Each structure stands twice: as C-alpha cells, then as structure tokens.
C-alpha cells in the first residue's frame, strides 16, 4: 500500500441483496465489506450467491494497483454491472471468488 492508502476487508454483519429492473441478481448473508481510502464501501458477494446465469462476461478489464486486475459481467441493458478480481493481490486475497456490484441493498 502507498502511504495514506488503506484497505480493510471484514465479514459484514448484515445481509445484502442486489436487484436490477425488478430481478434479484444476488442475495447473501455472508458478504464481505471492503473499505478503501477515498472509495465508498463495497460489498463482495460469494459467487455461489450470485445469479451468474443471468450475467454475460464482458471483455472489459481494469487494473487497480492495490487489488489487481478486475474482470466484468453485464446484463443486456447494463454493461459492466458487476466485477471481480479472479487473482487478487495477496493483501486482498479474501475477495477471490467474490463479485461486487455498484448498487447493493443492505438489509
């Protein structure tokens, strides 16, 4: 990490749900919450709790110097709606096999 930059990952004590256009895309009582300097809290949901059958892999890739290279998935009318780090950097290894959405309902 660079000076002043920090990432923490903890098990959330609250379940989350992701709904898009009335369709539940994910629901989990075991998400991780990732807090990163300068960024909003992000909930990483285990892949088993995500409706991957509704999502299509995207060709988009982005790189974060702290987390690694992200892969994205889309819906027909929502490009790059969800992302994951298939091979996260060691400091954030807990997010492997978890997906993250921009909009999450915390229950």
N, C-alpha and C. Protein backbone atom coordinates (compact mmCIF):
# COMPACT_ATOMS: atom_id res chain seq x y z
N UNK A 1 0.84 -1.18 0.00
CA UNK A 1 0.00 0.00 0.00
C UNK A 1 0.89 1.25 0.00
N UNK A 2 0.39 2.28 -0.62
CA UNK A 2 1.12 3.53 -0.58
C UNK A 2 0.78 4.27 0.70
N UNK A 3 1.60 5.21 1.07
CA UNK A 3 1.39 5.96 2.29
C UNK A 3 0.00 6.61 2.27
N UNK A 4 -0.74 6.41 3.34
CA UNK A 4 -2.07 7.01 3.45
C UNK A 4 -3.18 6.20 2.80
N UNK A 5 -2.86 5.19 2.02
CA UNK A 5 -3.89 4.36 1.39
C UNK A 5 -4.09 3.11 2.24
N UNK A 6 -5.36 2.77 2.43
CA UNK A 6 -5.64 1.63 3.28
C UNK A 6 -6.85 0.87 2.76
N UNK A 7 -6.79 -0.45 2.85
CA UNK A 7 -7.92 -1.31 2.52
C UNK A 7 -8.13 -2.25 3.70
N UNK A 8 -9.38 -2.35 4.14
CA UNK A 8 -9.74 -3.35 5.14
C UNK A 8 -10.88 -4.18 4.58
N UNK A 9 -10.89 -5.45 4.93
CA UNK A 9 -11.94 -6.38 4.50
C UNK A 9 -12.44 -7.11 5.74
N UNK A 10 -13.75 -7.08 5.92
CA UNK A 10 -14.35 -7.78 7.06
C UNK A 10 -15.63 -8.46 6.61
N UNK A 11 -16.01 -9.49 7.33
CA UNK A 11 -17.32 -10.10 7.09
C UNK A 11 -18.37 -9.11 7.54
N UNK A 12 -19.36 -8.90 6.69
CA UNK A 12 -20.44 -7.99 7.04
C UNK A 12 -21.36 -8.67 8.04
N UNK A 13 -21.89 -7.89 8.96
CA UNK A 13 -22.84 -8.44 9.92
C UNK A 13 -24.28 -8.29 9.43
N UNK A 14 -24.42 -7.80 8.18
CA UNK A 14 -25.75 -7.62 7.61
C UNK A 14 -25.82 -8.28 6.24
N UNK A 15 -26.95 -8.91 5.92
CA UNK A 15 -27.12 -9.49 4.58
C UNK A 15 -27.30 -8.39 3.54
N UNK A 16 -27.05 -8.75 2.28
CA UNK A 16 -27.22 -7.82 1.17
C UNK A 16 -28.02 -8.48 0.05
N UNK A 17 -28.61 -7.62 -0.78
CA UNK A 17 -29.36 -8.09 -1.95
C UNK A 17 -29.07 -7.12 -3.09
N UNK A 18 -28.98 -7.66 -4.30
CA UNK A 18 -28.80 -6.84 -5.49
C UNK A 18 -30.01 -7.06 -6.38
N UNK A 19 -30.73 -5.98 -6.69
CA UNK A 19 -31.90 -6.04 -7.55
C UNK A 19 -31.68 -5.06 -8.70
N UNK A 20 -31.92 -5.53 -9.91
CA UNK A 20 -31.82 -4.66 -11.08
C UNK A 20 -33.07 -4.88 -11.93
N UNK A 21 -33.78 -3.81 -12.22
CA UNK A 21 -35.01 -3.87 -13.02
C UNK A 21 -35.98 -4.92 -12.49
N UNK A 22 -36.09 -4.98 -11.16
CA UNK A 22 -37.03 -5.90 -10.53
C UNK A 22 -36.54 -7.33 -10.40
N UNK A 23 -35.38 -7.65 -10.92
CA UNK A 23 -34.83 -9.01 -10.88
C UNK A 23 -33.75 -9.09 -9.80
N UNK A 24 -33.86 -10.10 -8.92
CA UNK A 24 -32.82 -10.31 -7.90
C UNK A 24 -31.62 -10.96 -8.59
N UNK A 25 -30.49 -10.27 -8.55
CA UNK A 25 -29.26 -10.79 -9.15
C UNK A 25 -28.36 -11.48 -8.14
N UNK A 26 -28.49 -11.09 -6.88
CA UNK A 26 -27.67 -11.70 -5.83
C UNK A 26 -28.34 -11.46 -4.49
N UNK A 27 -28.14 -12.41 -3.60
CA UNK A 27 -28.64 -12.28 -2.23
C UNK A 27 -27.72 -13.11 -1.35
N UNK A 28 -27.21 -12.48 -0.29
CA UNK A 28 -26.22 -13.18 0.53
C UNK A 28 -26.30 -12.74 1.98
N UNK A 29 -26.13 -13.71 2.87
CA UNK A 29 -26.00 -13.39 4.29
C UNK A 29 -24.54 -13.55 4.73
N UNK A 30 -23.62 -13.60 3.73
CA UNK A 30 -22.20 -13.74 4.06
C UNK A 30 -21.29 -12.88 3.17
N UNK A 31 -21.70 -11.64 2.91
CA UNK A 31 -20.84 -10.79 2.09
C UNK A 31 -19.64 -10.28 2.90
N UNK A 32 -18.64 -9.86 2.15
CA UNK A 32 -17.50 -9.15 2.74
C UNK A 32 -17.68 -7.67 2.44
N UNK A 33 -17.31 -6.83 3.37
CA UNK A 33 -17.34 -5.39 3.11
C UNK A 33 -15.89 -4.92 3.01
N UNK A 34 -15.59 -4.29 1.87
CA UNK A 34 -14.25 -3.77 1.61
C UNK A 34 -14.32 -2.26 1.75
N UNK A 35 -13.47 -1.74 2.62
CA UNK A 35 -13.37 -0.30 2.82
C UNK A 35 -11.99 0.13 2.33
N UNK A 36 -12.00 1.11 1.42
CA UNK A 36 -10.77 1.56 0.79
C UNK A 36 -10.71 3.09 0.85
N UNK A 37 -9.55 3.59 1.17
CA UNK A 37 -9.34 5.03 1.25
C UNK A 37 -9.88 5.72 -0.01
N UNK A 38 -10.74 6.71 0.19
CA UNK A 38 -11.25 7.51 -0.91
C UNK A 38 -12.35 6.87 -1.73
N UNK A 39 -12.83 5.70 -1.34
CA UNK A 39 -13.86 4.98 -2.10
C UNK A 39 -15.04 4.64 -1.20
N UNK A 40 -16.23 4.48 -1.79
CA UNK A 40 -17.36 4.03 -0.98
C UNK A 40 -17.17 2.58 -0.54
N UNK A 41 -17.82 2.20 0.54
CA UNK A 41 -17.80 0.80 0.97
C UNK A 41 -18.33 -0.06 -0.17
N UNK A 42 -17.70 -1.19 -0.40
CA UNK A 42 -18.14 -2.13 -1.44
C UNK A 42 -18.37 -3.49 -0.80
N UNK A 43 -19.48 -4.12 -1.19
CA UNK A 43 -19.82 -5.45 -0.69
C UNK A 43 -19.43 -6.48 -1.74
N UNK A 44 -18.61 -7.43 -1.35
CA UNK A 44 -18.18 -8.52 -2.21
C UNK A 44 -18.96 -9.76 -1.81
N UNK A 45 -19.70 -10.29 -2.78
CA UNK A 45 -20.65 -11.37 -2.55
C UNK A 45 -20.07 -12.68 -3.08
N UNK A 46 -20.14 -13.76 -2.29
CA UNK A 46 -19.64 -15.05 -2.79
C UNK A 46 -20.32 -15.42 -4.11
N UNK A 47 -19.54 -15.95 -5.04
CA UNK A 47 -20.05 -16.30 -6.37
C UNK A 47 -21.27 -17.22 -6.28
N UNK A 48 -21.31 -18.08 -5.28
CA UNK A 48 -22.43 -19.02 -5.12
C UNK A 48 -23.75 -18.29 -4.84
N UNK A 49 -23.68 -17.05 -4.39
CA UNK A 49 -24.87 -16.28 -4.04
C UNK A 49 -25.28 -15.30 -5.14
N UNK A 50 -24.65 -15.40 -6.31
CA UNK A 50 -24.91 -14.50 -7.43
C UNK A 50 -25.55 -15.30 -8.57
N UNK A 51 -26.55 -14.74 -9.23
CA UNK A 51 -27.21 -15.39 -10.37
C UNK A 51 -26.33 -15.22 -11.62
N UNK A 52 -25.25 -15.98 -11.67
CA UNK A 52 -24.32 -15.91 -12.80
C UNK A 52 -24.98 -16.30 -14.11
N UNK A 53 -26.06 -17.09 -14.04
CA UNK A 53 -26.77 -17.50 -15.25
C UNK A 53 -27.43 -16.31 -15.96
N UNK A 54 -27.61 -15.20 -15.27
CA UNK A 54 -28.22 -14.02 -15.86
C UNK A 54 -27.18 -13.05 -16.43
N UNK A 55 -25.92 -13.26 -16.10
CA UNK A 55 -24.85 -12.33 -16.47
C UNK A 55 -24.00 -12.88 -17.60
N UNK A 56 -23.48 -11.99 -18.42
CA UNK A 56 -22.61 -12.35 -19.53
C UNK A 56 -21.23 -11.75 -19.30
N UNK A 57 -20.17 -12.56 -19.43
CA UNK A 57 -18.83 -11.99 -19.27
C UNK A 57 -18.59 -10.87 -20.28
N UNK A 58 -17.92 -9.85 -19.82
CA UNK A 58 -17.58 -8.69 -20.64
C UNK A 58 -16.10 -8.76 -21.00
N UNK A 59 -15.72 -8.09 -22.05
CA UNK A 59 -14.30 -8.01 -22.39
C UNK A 59 -13.55 -6.95 -21.60
N UNK A 60 -14.28 -6.21 -20.77
CA UNK A 60 -13.65 -5.13 -20.01
C UNK A 60 -12.74 -5.69 -18.92
N UNK A 61 -11.57 -5.07 -18.80
CA UNK A 61 -10.63 -5.38 -17.72
C UNK A 61 -10.10 -4.04 -17.22
N UNK A 62 -9.96 -3.92 -15.92
CA UNK A 62 -9.35 -2.74 -15.34
C UNK A 62 -8.29 -3.19 -14.35
N UNK A 63 -7.37 -2.29 -14.06
CA UNK A 63 -6.28 -2.64 -13.15
C UNK A 63 -6.28 -1.68 -11.96
N UNK A 64 -6.21 -2.23 -10.78
CA UNK A 64 -6.06 -1.47 -9.55
C UNK A 64 -4.71 -1.86 -8.94
N UNK A 65 -3.85 -0.91 -8.63
CA UNK A 65 -2.55 -1.26 -8.07
C UNK A 65 -2.63 -1.92 -6.70
N UNK A 66 -3.78 -1.83 -6.05
CA UNK A 66 -3.94 -2.41 -4.72
C UNK A 66 -4.66 -3.75 -4.72
N UNK A 67 -5.53 -3.97 -5.73
CA UNK A 67 -6.33 -5.19 -5.76
C UNK A 67 -5.97 -6.12 -6.92
N UNK A 68 -5.48 -5.59 -8.02
CA UNK A 68 -5.13 -6.41 -9.17
C UNK A 68 -6.00 -6.10 -10.37
N UNK A 69 -6.16 -7.09 -11.26
CA UNK A 69 -6.93 -6.92 -12.49
C UNK A 69 -8.35 -7.44 -12.29
N UNK A 70 -9.32 -6.58 -12.61
CA UNK A 70 -10.73 -6.93 -12.46
C UNK A 70 -11.31 -7.38 -13.79
N UNK A 71 -12.19 -8.37 -13.73
CA UNK A 71 -13.00 -8.82 -14.86
C UNK A 71 -14.43 -8.37 -14.59
N UNK A 72 -15.22 -8.18 -15.67
CA UNK A 72 -16.58 -7.65 -15.55
C UNK A 72 -17.61 -8.55 -16.21
N UNK A 73 -18.87 -8.40 -15.76
CA UNK A 73 -20.02 -9.09 -16.34
C UNK A 73 -21.11 -8.07 -16.58
N UNK A 74 -21.98 -8.37 -17.54
CA UNK A 74 -23.03 -7.43 -17.94
C UNK A 74 -24.38 -8.12 -18.05
N UNK A 75 -25.42 -7.29 -18.07
CA UNK A 75 -26.76 -7.69 -18.48
C UNK A 75 -26.98 -7.08 -19.86
N UNK A 76 -27.98 -7.54 -20.62
CA UNK A 76 -28.20 -6.98 -21.95
C UNK A 76 -28.33 -5.45 -21.97
N UNK A 77 -28.92 -4.88 -20.92
CA UNK A 77 -29.10 -3.43 -20.89
C UNK A 77 -28.27 -2.73 -19.82
N UNK A 78 -27.27 -3.41 -19.29
CA UNK A 78 -26.42 -2.84 -18.24
C UNK A 78 -25.00 -3.38 -18.38
N UNK A 79 -24.18 -2.63 -19.09
CA UNK A 79 -22.79 -3.06 -19.32
C UNK A 79 -21.96 -2.95 -18.04
N UNK A 80 -21.14 -3.95 -17.85
CA UNK A 80 -20.15 -3.95 -16.75
C UNK A 80 -20.78 -3.63 -15.39
N UNK A 81 -21.87 -4.29 -15.12
CA UNK A 81 -22.63 -4.09 -13.89
C UNK A 81 -21.96 -4.68 -12.66
N UNK A 82 -21.15 -5.70 -12.87
CA UNK A 82 -20.54 -6.44 -11.76
C UNK A 82 -19.09 -6.73 -12.11
N UNK A 83 -18.25 -6.79 -11.09
CA UNK A 83 -16.84 -7.10 -11.32
C UNK A 83 -16.30 -8.02 -10.23
N UNK A 84 -15.16 -8.59 -10.52
CA UNK A 84 -14.47 -9.46 -9.57
C UNK A 84 -12.98 -9.42 -9.88
N UNK A 85 -12.22 -9.84 -8.91
CA UNK A 85 -10.77 -9.97 -9.06
C UNK A 85 -10.43 -11.45 -9.01
N UNK A 86 -10.31 -12.11 -10.17
CA UNK A 86 -10.06 -13.55 -10.18
C UNK A 86 -8.75 -13.95 -9.51
N UNK A 87 -7.75 -13.10 -9.61
CA UNK A 87 -6.45 -13.35 -8.97
C UNK A 87 -6.06 -12.09 -8.20
N UNK A 88 -6.73 -11.83 -7.06
CA UNK A 88 -6.43 -10.59 -6.33
C UNK A 88 -5.02 -10.60 -5.75
N UNK A 89 -4.53 -9.42 -5.48
CA UNK A 89 -3.22 -9.29 -4.84
C UNK A 89 -3.29 -9.91 -3.44
N UNK A 90 -2.16 -10.36 -2.92
CA UNK A 90 -2.15 -11.06 -1.63
C UNK A 90 -2.80 -10.28 -0.47
N UNK A 91 -2.66 -8.97 -0.45
CA UNK A 91 -3.23 -8.19 0.66
C UNK A 91 -4.76 -8.20 0.69
N UNK A 92 -5.39 -8.58 -0.43
CA UNK A 92 -6.86 -8.62 -0.50
C UNK A 92 -7.34 -10.00 -0.97
N UNK A 93 -6.60 -11.02 -0.65
CA UNK A 93 -6.89 -12.38 -1.11
C UNK A 93 -8.30 -12.84 -0.75
N UNK A 94 -8.88 -12.28 0.31
CA UNK A 94 -10.21 -12.71 0.74
C UNK A 94 -11.29 -12.47 -0.31
N UNK A 95 -11.08 -11.52 -1.23
CA UNK A 95 -12.13 -11.22 -2.21
C UNK A 95 -12.13 -12.17 -3.40
N UNK A 96 -11.18 -13.09 -3.45
CA UNK A 96 -11.18 -14.10 -4.52
C UNK A 96 -12.51 -14.86 -4.46
N UNK A 97 -13.07 -15.15 -5.62
CA UNK A 97 -14.34 -15.89 -5.74
C UNK A 97 -15.54 -15.10 -5.18
N UNK A 98 -15.41 -13.79 -5.14
CA UNK A 98 -16.50 -12.90 -4.73
C UNK A 98 -16.72 -11.88 -5.85
N UNK A 99 -17.97 -11.43 -6.01
CA UNK A 99 -18.32 -10.44 -7.02
C UNK A 99 -18.86 -9.18 -6.34
N UNK A 100 -18.69 -8.07 -7.03
CA UNK A 100 -19.10 -6.79 -6.48
C UNK A 100 -19.99 -6.05 -7.47
N UNK A 101 -21.06 -5.44 -6.97
CA UNK A 101 -22.00 -4.66 -7.76
C UNK A 101 -21.93 -3.20 -7.32
N UNK A 102 -22.29 -2.29 -8.22
CA UNK A 102 -22.31 -0.88 -7.88
C UNK A 102 -23.40 -0.55 -6.86
N UNK A 103 -24.58 -1.12 -7.04
CA UNK A 103 -25.71 -0.82 -6.16
C UNK A 103 -26.11 -2.07 -5.38
N UNK A 104 -26.07 -1.97 -4.05
CA UNK A 104 -26.39 -3.10 -3.18
C UNK A 104 -27.36 -2.62 -2.11
N UNK A 105 -28.40 -3.41 -1.85
CA UNK A 105 -29.30 -3.13 -0.73
C UNK A 105 -28.74 -3.83 0.50
N UNK A 106 -28.50 -3.07 1.55
CA UNK A 106 -28.06 -3.66 2.83
C UNK A 106 -29.30 -3.85 3.66
N UNK A 107 -29.52 -5.08 4.13
CA UNK A 107 -30.75 -5.39 4.85
C UNK A 107 -30.53 -5.46 6.35
